[in-house]
Amino acid sequence: MPYLQLDVNDHYSVESKRLLAAKMSETYARMMSVDVRRISVAIRELGPGSVWRIAEESGEPVPVALMMLDIRRGRPPELRMELAKALCSLCIEILGLRQDRLNVEFTQHSGDEMYHPALGGYSPEWEPGQR
């Protein structure tokens, strides 16, 4: 944890996915003040016609992308929004995703719900004064 998961309808080069994973990890670590080694990024290429949303009332479903961010509980809404915007910008820049067809959802966890054997066990608790 944190686990950053992006579900997409297309397929991308390994180089593009590696670049996106690196940039997302660096951005997350900097903005959320966490050890970059704790971050995992999944880019799930589900294939054409796999992720949909009705973008307009009475409209037809359109292909979209969805980013799920499992993060530490207690992060302020303003910081989560800042993070979401930054990560969306990277997806738009690197993969060419459309801003109007990209959603972000957060799932918040306490430190004892994040286990890292290589980093000594549970994640340290986040202090509300930290950024």
Foldseek 3Di string as FASTA:
>chain_A
DFEKEKEFAADDDPVLVVVLQVQLLVLCCVLQVDDSVLYHYYYHHPHHPDAWDQLDVVRDIDGAMEMETEEAPDDDPVSVVVSVVSSVVSCCVRVVHDPSRYYYHYHHDAQQVRFDVVVPTTGDGDDNVGD
